[in-house]
C-alpha cells in the first residue's frame, strides 16, 4: 500500500522507482526547473552571496549538460522504452544534437516514463512548461502518453510589467494536460457568471448574494426572478493573478505559483481522498492545494532548501497536520555526512529542525551574516532572533560575529547552531551577553549555542511563545 502525506528528499527518479508502485497516483502536477539561459533561472536565490545562489543548482546542474551520465540515461531509454518513444528521442537528438536542451529532454523523458507508470488509468498529468522547451516537451509527452490522450494546452494568463524592449511582454504560462487513457477522471468545474460573461448583460442584475438574475414578466402574473444556474464552463485560458508582493501566501520564491491555480487543477482532476503527486514540488503549492481540498499527497524535491520550506509552510498553514519526511538525516552521523557533502544543504536542513522562518523578498542582499530569522511573541509584540549555522570547525570569533549582527539588526536574541561541540571561550562569549527579559520579567539567554545533537534530541531555542509562522509571513 502506498504511503501518502510524505515529503521525499532526493532525486525523484530513484524515489519514484523505489517508493511508488504502478497505477497508484490519481493526479500529477509538475513544474520542472529549466535552464532557459546560461544560468539556472528558476530556482530562487539565496539573499546573501552569489556563491550561495550557485550552490542551490549543484544538485541538478549536470541535467542541463550532455555528460556521461546523460549518455547513460539516453541509452537506458533506448534499451527499455517503447519503440515510438525511442524513435522520437533519436529524431530529437539528430535534430538538436547533444546540447543542453537535449540533456534536459533526456532527463525529463526518463522521469515522464516513470510518471506514466505510477499514474492510474483514470489519472491525469499537468506539465507546467517553460516556453523555451514547451514545444519539445509536447512532442515527448505525445510519444509517452499518446497524442490521443492530449486534453488541453492550458494558458495561465496574468498581468505583470517587465523590462522587455525588443519583444512583447510575456504574460502567460503554458500547462500541458494529458490523461493516461480516455477514461480520465474529470470534474466539470465552473466559474460564476460575471458582468462581461455575455450572459450577464443589461437584462441581468445581481442579488445581495452576488447571483445573477433577470425579471420575467408574463401576462396575468406578478414579475418573478429567473436565475442563471451552473455558471460558465471553464475555458482553456485561465486568468488568475500572480502573487503580489503583499499577499499572505507569498514566500519570497520567484517561481511560486498561486494557490488558486493549483486548486483549480486539483478540483478538476481529482476527488476527495485521491492522491496528488508533485515530483518537483519546490515550495509546495500543489501539496497545500491538495491538503486544503482533502486530497492525499506526495512531494519530492532534491534540495533541503525546498524540503525545509515545505515543512515550514505545511506546519504553519495547517496547525494539526501530520506528515512524514523521508531522506533527511536522522542522527548525528547522517548530519555529518550531509555537512561533508554540501554545506548549504546542511544549513537548510539544520534550520528546518527548529522551524526557522525562510527568507522573504524584503531583505534580499542586505543580510550578510544572517542565515534565518526566528520569531517569538512577547507582551503582544513580535520579536526577532538571528540564527547562524555552522557545520565545520567553530571558533569564538564566529560567536562574536553573531553578536555583532544581533546588535546591528536590533534583534532581541541570537542562536548559534553548530554541528561540532562549542569551545569554552565560545560559551563564555555567549554568556557575557546576559539575558533577554520578557514582559513578565522572565530571563532567557540572549545568545544561545545549540548543537545539532541537542536539537535532534529535542532541544529548542529558549524563548517566550513562538509566533505562528504562516500568519506572520508579511511581518
Protein backbone atom coordinates (compact mmCIF):
# COMPACT_ATOMS: atom_id res chain seq x y z
CA UNK A 1 0.00 0.00 0.00
CA UNK A 2 1.33 3.43 -0.96
CA UNK A 3 2.25 5.84 1.84
CA UNK A 4 0.82 9.36 1.47
CA UNK A 5 1.33 12.80 3.01
CA UNK A 6 5.06 12.26 2.60
CA UNK A 7 7.91 14.57 1.58
CA UNK A 8 10.84 12.80 -0.08
CA UNK A 9 14.25 14.44 -0.20
CA UNK A 10 16.37 13.45 -3.20
CA UNK A 11 16.39 12.87 -6.94
CA UNK A 12 12.84 12.00 -7.96
CA UNK A 13 13.87 9.25 -10.41
CA UNK A 14 15.16 6.70 -7.86
CA UNK A 15 12.46 7.77 -5.40
CA UNK A 16 9.70 7.09 -7.94
CA UNK A 17 11.21 3.68 -8.67
CA UNK A 18 11.68 2.73 -5.02
CA UNK A 19 8.57 4.03 -3.30
CA UNK A 20 5.73 4.44 -5.83
CA UNK A 21 4.00 1.34 -7.23
CA UNK A 22 2.33 1.04 -10.62
CA UNK A 23 -1.08 2.65 -11.11
CA UNK A 24 -1.13 4.35 -7.70
CA UNK A 25 -1.49 8.11 -8.38
CA UNK A 26 -4.67 9.98 -9.35
CA UNK A 27 -3.17 13.34 -10.34
CA UNK A 28 0.35 14.53 -11.15
CA UNK A 29 1.34 18.19 -11.35
CA UNK A 30 4.92 19.12 -12.15
CA UNK A 31 6.69 22.39 -12.78
CA UNK A 32 10.20 21.15 -13.62
CA UNK A 33 13.06 23.65 -13.43
CA UNK A 34 14.67 24.58 -16.71
CA UNK A 35 17.90 26.32 -17.70
CA UNK A 36 16.46 28.67 -20.31
CA UNK A 37 19.59 30.82 -20.46
CA UNK A 38 23.16 30.47 -19.26
CA UNK A 39 22.05 30.18 -15.65
CA UNK A 40 19.54 28.06 -13.82
CA UNK A 41 16.98 30.81 -13.77
CA UNK A 42 14.06 29.24 -11.96
CA UNK A 43 15.47 28.27 -8.59
CA UNK A 44 15.11 31.03 -6.06
CA UNK A 45 18.15 32.91 -4.99
CA UNK A 46 19.88 32.94 -1.63
CA UNK A 47 19.75 36.51 -0.32
CA UNK A 48 23.37 36.67 0.78
CA UNK A 49 26.03 35.89 -1.79
CA UNK A 50 26.30 34.70 -5.37
CA UNK A 51 28.24 31.70 -4.13
CA UNK A 52 25.24 30.56 -2.11
CA UNK A 53 22.92 31.15 -5.06
CA UNK A 54 25.18 28.96 -7.14
CA UNK A 55 25.18 26.21 -4.54
CA UNK A 56 21.46 25.68 -5.00
CA UNK A 57 21.86 24.47 -8.57
CA UNK A 58 24.61 21.93 -7.91
CA UNK A 59 22.22 19.02 -7.42
CA UNK A 60 20.66 19.29 -10.88
CA UNK A 61 23.32 21.20 -12.79
CA UNK A 62 24.51 18.21 -14.81
CA UNK A 63 20.95 17.59 -16.01
CA UNK A 64 21.36 20.57 -18.32
CA UNK A 65 24.65 19.49 -19.86
CA UNK A 66 25.42 16.49 -22.03
CA UNK A 67 27.61 14.34 -19.81
CA UNK A 68 28.48 10.66 -19.45
CA UNK A 69 25.53 10.33 -17.08
CA UNK A 70 23.23 11.88 -19.70
CA UNK A 71 24.55 9.45 -22.31
CA UNK A 72 23.87 6.52 -19.97
CA UNK A 73 20.33 7.80 -19.35
CA UNK A 74 19.73 8.13 -23.08
CA UNK A 75 21.00 4.58 -23.61
CA UNK A 76 18.62 3.37 -20.89
CA UNK A 77 15.72 4.96 -22.75
CA UNK A 78 16.80 3.24 -25.97
CA UNK A 79 17.16 -0.10 -24.16
CA UNK A 80 13.88 -0.04 -22.22
CA UNK A 81 11.34 2.38 -23.70
CA UNK A 82 8.67 1.53 -26.31
CA UNK A 83 9.77 1.95 -29.92
CA UNK A 84 7.68 5.09 -30.55
CA UNK A 85 9.48 6.90 -27.73
CA UNK A 86 12.88 5.70 -28.90
CA UNK A 87 12.15 6.98 -32.42
CA UNK A 88 11.13 10.39 -31.10
CA UNK A 89 14.18 10.74 -28.85
CA UNK A 90 16.55 9.65 -31.63
CA UNK A 91 14.92 12.13 -34.02
CA UNK A 92 15.28 14.95 -31.48
CA UNK A 93 18.91 14.03 -30.87
CA UNK A 94 19.59 14.09 -34.62
CA UNK A 95 17.83 17.47 -34.94
CA UNK A 96 19.21 19.41 -31.98
CA UNK A 97 22.32 17.34 -31.23
CA UNK A 98 23.96 16.63 -27.86
CA UNK A 99 23.46 20.04 -26.29
CA UNK A 100 21.91 21.37 -23.07
CA UNK A 101 18.38 21.19 -24.47
CA UNK A 102 18.80 17.54 -25.42
CA UNK A 103 20.22 16.79 -21.98
CA UNK A 104 17.14 18.40 -20.42
CA UNK A 105 14.75 16.43 -22.65
CA UNK A 106 16.59 13.21 -21.80
CA UNK A 107 16.32 13.95 -18.08
CA UNK A 108 12.60 14.69 -18.49
CA UNK A 109 11.86 11.68 -20.72
CA UNK A 110 13.18 9.08 -18.26
CA UNK A 111 11.14 10.69 -15.47
CA UNK A 112 7.96 11.06 -17.54
CA UNK A 113 8.15 7.34 -18.29
CA UNK A 114 8.14 6.67 -14.54
CA UNK A 115 5.32 9.16 -14.00
CA UNK A 116 3.21 7.37 -16.60
CA UNK A 117 3.90 4.07 -14.83
CA UNK A 118 2.66 5.31 -11.45
CA UNK A 119 -0.40 7.10 -12.86
CA UNK A 120 -3.75 5.32 -12.63
CA UNK A 121 -5.71 4.60 -15.81
CA UNK A 122 -8.17 7.29 -14.69
CA UNK A 123 -5.36 9.70 -13.79
CA UNK A 124 -4.20 12.98 -15.32
CA UNK A 125 -0.89 14.80 -15.57
CA UNK A 126 -0.37 18.56 -15.84
CA UNK A 127 3.09 19.68 -17.01
CA UNK A 128 3.88 23.34 -16.38
CA UNK A 129 6.31 24.34 -19.15
CA UNK A 130 9.00 26.90 -19.73
CA UNK A 131 8.22 28.44 -23.17
CA UNK A 132 11.77 27.73 -24.31
CA UNK A 133 11.15 23.98 -24.06
CA UNK A 134 7.35 23.57 -24.21
CA UNK A 135 7.22 22.64 -27.90
CA UNK A 136 9.85 19.94 -27.44
CA UNK A 137 8.13 18.64 -24.30
CA UNK A 138 4.82 18.43 -26.18
CA UNK A 139 6.45 16.02 -28.65
CA UNK A 140 7.91 13.95 -25.82
CA UNK A 141 4.57 13.93 -23.96
CA UNK A 142 2.74 12.83 -27.13
CA UNK A 143 5.12 9.90 -27.51
CA UNK A 144 4.84 8.80 -23.84
CA UNK A 145 1.16 9.43 -23.05
CA UNK A 146 -0.19 9.21 -26.60
CA UNK A 147 -1.33 12.10 -28.78
CA UNK A 148 -4.91 10.83 -28.41
CA UNK A 149 -4.68 11.39 -24.65
CA UNK A 150 -3.75 15.05 -25.01
CA UNK A 151 -6.56 17.07 -23.45
CA UNK A 152 -5.60 20.74 -23.41
CA UNK A 153 -2.86 23.27 -23.74
CA UNK A 154 -3.90 25.48 -20.83
CA UNK A 155 -2.89 29.11 -20.80
CA UNK A 156 -2.43 30.71 -17.41
CA UNK A 157 -2.84 34.42 -18.14
CA UNK A 158 -1.74 37.14 -15.74
CA UNK A 159 -0.68 40.77 -15.63
CA UNK A 160 2.79 41.95 -14.75
CA UNK A 161 5.28 44.50 -16.00
CA UNK A 162 8.67 43.56 -17.37
CA UNK A 163 11.58 45.43 -18.89
CA UNK A 164 11.26 43.69 -22.27
CA UNK A 165 12.09 46.18 -25.01
CA UNK A 166 12.72 44.02 -28.09
CA UNK A 167 9.72 41.69 -27.76
CA UNK A 168 6.18 41.66 -26.42
CA UNK A 169 5.79 41.15 -22.69
CA UNK A 170 5.36 37.54 -21.66
CA UNK A 171 2.03 37.44 -19.81
CA UNK A 172 1.19 33.76 -19.75
CA UNK A 173 2.46 30.27 -18.88
CA UNK A 174 1.69 27.03 -20.69
CA UNK A 175 0.40 23.90 -18.91
CA UNK A 176 0.11 20.67 -20.93
CA UNK A 177 -2.78 18.49 -19.75
CA UNK A 178 -2.81 14.77 -20.60
CA UNK A 179 -4.69 11.71 -19.42
CA UNK A 180 -3.22 8.24 -19.18
CA UNK A 181 -6.26 6.82 -21.01
CA UNK A 182 -9.53 8.13 -22.38
CA UNK A 183 -11.17 7.12 -19.08
CA UNK A 184 -9.73 10.01 -17.08
CA UNK A 185 -11.44 11.43 -14.04
CA UNK A 186 -12.65 14.97 -14.84
CA UNK A 187 -14.92 17.25 -12.85
CA UNK A 188 -16.83 19.93 -14.74
CA UNK A 189 -15.92 22.85 -12.50
CA UNK A 190 -17.47 26.16 -13.47
CA UNK A 191 -16.98 29.86 -12.98
CA UNK A 192 -19.64 32.25 -11.75
CA UNK A 193 -21.05 34.42 -14.48
CA UNK A 194 -19.55 37.88 -14.43
CA UNK A 195 -20.53 41.25 -15.81
CA UNK A 196 -18.64 40.60 -19.04
CA UNK A 197 -19.63 36.96 -19.45
CA UNK A 198 -22.12 37.56 -22.25
CA UNK A 199 -24.85 36.15 -20.03
CA UNK A 200 -24.94 38.94 -17.52
CA UNK A 201 -25.99 41.63 -19.99
CA UNK A 202 -28.16 44.66 -19.34
CA UNK A 203 -31.16 42.42 -18.59
CA UNK A 204 -29.44 40.75 -15.66
CA UNK A 205 -28.77 42.09 -12.20
CA UNK A 206 -27.06 40.70 -9.10
CA UNK A 207 -28.89 39.94 -5.88
CA UNK A 208 -27.44 40.52 -2.40
CA UNK A 209 -25.58 37.17 -2.61
CA UNK A 210 -23.93 38.02 -5.93
CA UNK A 211 -26.07 35.68 -8.08
CA UNK A 212 -27.26 36.90 -11.48
CA UNK A 213 -30.98 37.06 -12.29
CA UNK A 214 -33.46 38.81 -14.54
CA UNK A 215 -37.09 39.65 -14.05
CA UNK A 216 -39.53 37.54 -16.05
CA UNK A 217 -42.84 39.16 -16.88
CA UNK A 218 -45.89 37.21 -18.02
CA UNK A 219 -49.39 38.35 -18.66
CA UNK A 220 -51.60 37.85 -15.66
CA UNK A 221 -48.70 37.09 -13.28
CA UNK A 222 -46.53 39.07 -10.94
CA UNK A 223 -42.94 39.51 -12.21
CA UNK A 224 -40.61 36.80 -10.88
CA UNK A 225 -36.87 36.15 -10.88
CA UNK A 226 -35.07 33.74 -13.23
CA UNK A 227 -31.54 32.94 -12.08
CA UNK A 228 -28.55 31.94 -14.16
CA UNK A 229 -27.56 28.50 -12.96
CA UNK A 230 -24.49 26.31 -13.24
CA UNK A 231 -22.00 29.02 -14.04
CA UNK A 232 -19.82 29.36 -17.11
CA UNK A 233 -17.95 26.33 -18.41
CA UNK A 234 -14.23 26.68 -17.89
CA UNK A 235 -12.16 27.52 -20.95
CA UNK A 236 -8.50 26.81 -21.63
CA UNK A 237 -7.38 30.35 -20.82
CA UNK A 238 -7.26 30.92 -17.07
CA UNK A 239 -6.90 34.49 -15.87
CA UNK A 240 -5.51 34.19 -12.35
CA UNK A 241 -3.38 36.96 -10.81
CA UNK A 242 0.23 36.25 -9.92
CA UNK A 243 1.13 36.51 -6.24
CA UNK A 244 1.59 40.17 -5.40
CA UNK A 245 4.25 41.49 -3.05
CA UNK A 246 1.87 41.93 -0.10
CA UNK A 247 -0.04 38.64 -0.43
CA UNK A 248 -0.26 36.46 2.68
CA UNK A 249 0.73 33.36 0.71
CA UNK A 250 3.89 34.96 -0.71
CA UNK A 251 7.05 33.16 0.41
CA UNK A 252 9.72 35.07 -1.50
CA UNK A 253 10.06 32.25 -4.05
CA UNK A 254 10.17 33.75 -7.58
CA UNK A 255 8.57 30.73 -9.29
CA UNK A 256 5.90 30.26 -6.62
CA UNK A 257 2.53 29.61 -8.22
CA UNK A 258 -0.73 30.98 -6.73
CA UNK A 259 -2.81 28.56 -4.70
CA UNK A 260 -5.86 29.46 -6.82
CA UNK A 261 -4.17 27.99 -9.91
CA UNK A 262 -3.32 24.67 -8.25
CA UNK A 263 -6.69 24.45 -6.52
CA UNK A 264 -8.40 24.64 -9.91
CA UNK A 265 -6.25 21.79 -11.27
CA UNK A 266 -6.81 19.66 -8.16
CA UNK A 267 -10.58 20.24 -8.23
CA UNK A 268 -10.82 19.43 -11.94
CA UNK A 269 -8.86 16.17 -11.99
CA UNK A 270 -9.25 14.55 -8.57
CA UNK A 271 -11.78 13.85 -5.83
CA UNK A 272 -11.53 13.86 -2.05
CA UNK A 273 -9.31 11.04 -0.82
CA UNK A 274 -7.37 10.81 -4.10
CA UNK A 275 -3.56 11.00 -4.25
CA UNK A 276 -1.80 14.03 -5.77
CA UNK A 277 1.91 13.83 -6.67
CA UNK A 278 4.30 16.70 -7.32
CA UNK A 279 7.77 15.32 -8.19
CA UNK A 280 9.40 18.78 -8.44
CA UNK A 281 7.49 20.34 -5.59
CA UNK A 282 9.64 23.40 -4.81
CA UNK A 283 7.76 25.50 -2.26
CA UNK A 284 4.85 23.04 -2.22
CA UNK A 285 1.85 24.92 -3.61
CA UNK A 286 0.39 21.74 -5.14
CA UNK A 287 0.67 19.99 -1.78
CA UNK A 288 -1.03 22.88 0.02
CA UNK A 289 -3.87 22.88 -2.50
CA UNK A 290 -4.27 19.10 -2.22
CA UNK A 291 -4.33 19.12 1.58
CA UNK A 292 -6.76 22.04 1.69
CA UNK A 293 -9.15 20.14 -0.62
CA UNK A 294 -8.95 16.89 1.39
CA UNK A 295 -6.70 15.00 -1.02
CA UNK A 296 -3.71 12.91 -0.02
CA UNK A 297 -0.36 14.00 -1.42
CA UNK A 298 3.27 13.10 -2.10
CA UNK A 299 6.03 15.66 -2.72
CA UNK A 300 9.60 15.16 -3.93
CA UNK A 301 12.44 17.65 -4.16
CA UNK A 302 16.20 17.43 -4.50
CA UNK A 303 17.17 20.26 -2.14
CA UNK A 304 16.85 20.58 1.62
CA UNK A 305 16.09 24.23 0.97
CA UNK A 306 12.79 23.23 -0.66
CA UNK A 307 12.04 20.48 1.87
CA UNK A 308 12.63 22.83 4.81
CA UNK A 309 10.42 25.48 3.18
CA UNK A 310 7.64 22.94 2.61
CA UNK A 311 7.85 21.66 6.19
CA UNK A 312 7.60 25.24 7.42
CA UNK A 313 4.71 26.07 5.10
CA UNK A 314 2.64 22.94 5.78
CA UNK A 315 3.03 23.11 9.56
CA UNK A 316 2.15 26.77 9.69
CA UNK A 317 -0.71 26.63 7.18
CA UNK A 318 -2.37 23.56 8.76
CA UNK A 319 -1.84 23.59 12.50
CA UNK A 320 -2.76 19.92 13.14
CA UNK A 321 -1.16 18.43 10.02
CA UNK A 322 0.79 15.18 10.24
CA UNK A 323 3.26 14.16 7.55
CA UNK A 324 6.47 12.21 7.13
CA UNK A 325 9.83 13.28 5.68
CA UNK A 326 11.97 10.59 4.05
CA UNK A 327 15.65 11.10 3.21
CA UNK A 328 16.65 13.61 5.87
CA UNK A 329 19.47 12.86 8.35
CA UNK A 330 18.05 11.02 11.35
CA UNK A 331 21.12 11.11 13.61
CA UNK A 332 24.45 12.85 14.16
CA UNK A 333 26.37 10.66 11.70
CA UNK A 334 23.83 11.45 8.99
CA UNK A 335 24.14 15.16 9.77
CA UNK A 336 27.94 14.97 9.47
CA UNK A 337 27.67 13.15 6.15
CA UNK A 338 25.32 15.84 4.81
CA UNK A 339 27.65 18.61 6.01
CA UNK A 340 30.60 16.97 4.27
CA UNK A 341 28.58 16.54 1.10
CA UNK A 342 27.13 20.04 0.83
CA UNK A 343 27.36 22.76 3.47
CA UNK A 344 24.37 24.67 2.11
CA UNK A 345 22.10 21.63 2.10
CA UNK A 346 23.22 21.01 5.69
CA UNK A 347 22.44 24.59 6.65
CA UNK A 348 18.92 24.47 5.21
CA UNK A 349 18.21 21.14 6.91
CA UNK A 350 19.54 22.36 10.28
CA UNK A 351 17.39 25.49 10.12
CA UNK A 352 14.28 23.40 9.47
CA UNK A 353 14.86 21.47 12.70
CA UNK A 354 13.93 24.49 14.81
CA UNK A 355 11.25 25.87 12.49
CA UNK A 356 13.29 28.87 11.36
CA UNK A 357 11.46 31.18 9.04
CA UNK A 358 12.57 31.20 5.35
CA UNK A 359 13.65 34.47 3.78
CA UNK A 360 11.13 36.71 2.07
CA UNK A 361 11.87 39.33 -0.56
CA UNK A 362 12.31 42.34 1.70
CA UNK A 363 15.91 41.86 2.80
CA UNK A 364 17.47 40.42 -0.32
CA UNK A 365 21.18 41.20 -0.44
CA UNK A 366 21.19 43.08 2.87
CA UNK A 367 21.56 40.30 5.41
CA UNK A 368 25.16 39.15 5.28
CA UNK A 369 25.82 37.13 8.40
CA UNK A 370 22.18 36.04 8.82
CA UNK A 371 21.11 32.53 7.91
CA UNK A 372 17.50 32.82 9.03
CA UNK A 373 15.17 34.60 11.41
CA UNK A 374 13.25 33.12 14.31
CA UNK A 375 10.20 34.97 15.67
CA UNK A 376 8.51 34.85 19.06
CA UNK A 377 5.84 36.77 20.95
CA UNK A 378 6.44 38.93 23.99
CA UNK A 379 3.89 41.29 25.52
CA UNK A 380 1.68 41.11 22.44
CA UNK A 381 4.54 42.09 20.13
CA UNK A 382 6.57 40.06 17.65
CA UNK A 383 10.27 39.82 18.48
CA UNK A 384 13.10 38.69 16.22
CA UNK A 385 16.09 36.42 16.76
CA UNK A 386 19.03 35.96 14.39
CA UNK A 387 20.25 32.46 13.54
CA UNK A 388 23.74 31.42 12.40
CA UNK A 389 24.52 27.82 11.37
CA UNK A 390 28.00 26.27 11.17
CA UNK A 391 28.78 22.77 10.00
CA UNK A 392 32.55 22.76 10.22
CA UNK A 393 35.20 23.99 12.65
CA UNK A 394 33.83 26.62 15.03
CA UNK A 395 35.62 29.42 16.88
CA UNK A 396 34.85 32.18 19.34
CA UNK A 397 35.17 34.75 16.54
CA UNK A 398 32.05 33.31 14.91
CA UNK A 399 30.06 33.86 18.10
CA UNK A 400 31.35 37.43 18.24
CA UNK A 401 30.24 37.90 14.63
CA UNK A 402 26.73 36.70 15.51
CA UNK A 403 26.62 39.10 18.47
CA UNK A 404 27.63 41.94 16.13
CA UNK A 405 24.81 41.04 13.71
CA UNK A 406 22.26 40.81 16.53
CA UNK A 407 23.23 44.32 17.64
CA UNK A 408 23.32 45.69 14.11
CA UNK A 409 19.86 44.29 13.32
CA UNK A 410 18.47 45.35 16.72
CA UNK A 411 17.35 41.75 17.26
CA UNK A 412 16.22 40.52 20.65
CA UNK A 413 18.25 37.31 20.65
CA UNK A 414 20.78 35.26 18.65
CA UNK A 415 21.07 31.48 18.15
CA UNK A 416 24.31 29.78 17.11
CA UNK A 417 23.67 26.27 15.73
CA UNK A 418 26.74 24.08 15.40
CA UNK A 419 27.47 20.54 14.27
CA UNK A 420 30.61 20.37 16.41
CA UNK A 421 30.71 20.96 20.15
CA UNK A 422 31.38 24.58 21.14
CA UNK A 423 34.61 25.55 22.87
CA UNK A 424 34.85 27.03 26.35
CA UNK A 425 35.65 30.54 25.03
CA UNK A 426 32.57 30.34 22.76
CA UNK A 427 30.31 29.54 25.69
CA UNK A 428 31.92 32.28 27.75
CA UNK A 429 31.43 34.87 24.99
CA UNK A 430 27.76 33.93 24.64
CA UNK A 431 27.24 34.10 28.41
CA UNK A 432 28.69 37.63 28.54
CA UNK A 433 25.73 38.97 26.58
CA UNK A 434 23.49 38.30 29.57
CA UNK A 435 19.74 37.79 29.32
CA UNK A 436 16.69 38.87 27.41
CA UNK A 437 13.88 39.76 29.86
CA UNK A 438 10.34 39.33 28.67
CA UNK A 439 7.28 41.35 29.72
CA UNK A 440 6.84 39.11 32.78
CA UNK A 441 10.48 39.61 33.79
CA UNK A 442 11.40 36.03 32.85
CA UNK A 443 15.01 35.68 31.72
CA UNK A 444 16.29 33.90 28.60
CA UNK A 445 19.96 33.75 27.49
CA UNK A 446 20.35 36.46 24.88
CA UNK A 447 22.84 34.43 22.82
CA UNK A 448 22.28 30.68 22.82
CA UNK A 449 24.52 27.94 21.41
CA UNK A 450 22.72 24.75 20.34
CA UNK A 451 24.40 21.68 18.91
CA UNK A 452 22.80 19.53 16.22
CA UNK A 453 22.93 16.57 18.60
CA UNK A 454 20.99 18.52 21.23
CA UNK A 455 18.39 19.60 18.66
CA UNK A 456 17.98 16.02 17.38
CA UNK A 457 17.34 15.03 21.00
CA UNK A 458 14.53 17.55 21.28
CA UNK A 459 16.17 20.79 22.43
CA UNK A 460 14.76 24.02 21.02
CA UNK A 461 15.68 27.70 21.39
CA UNK A 462 14.65 29.01 24.80
CA UNK A 463 12.25 31.87 24.11
CA UNK A 464 8.82 33.16 25.05
CA UNK A 465 5.89 31.97 22.91
CA UNK A 466 6.85 31.22 19.32
CA UNK A 467 4.97 33.06 16.58
CA UNK A 468 2.54 31.01 14.43
CA UNK A 469 4.83 31.24 11.43
CA UNK A 470 2.43 31.29 8.49
CA UNK A 471 0.29 34.04 9.97
CA UNK A 472 3.34 36.25 10.42
CA UNK A 473 4.56 35.84 6.86
CA UNK A 474 4.07 39.51 5.98
CA UNK A 475 5.69 40.90 9.11
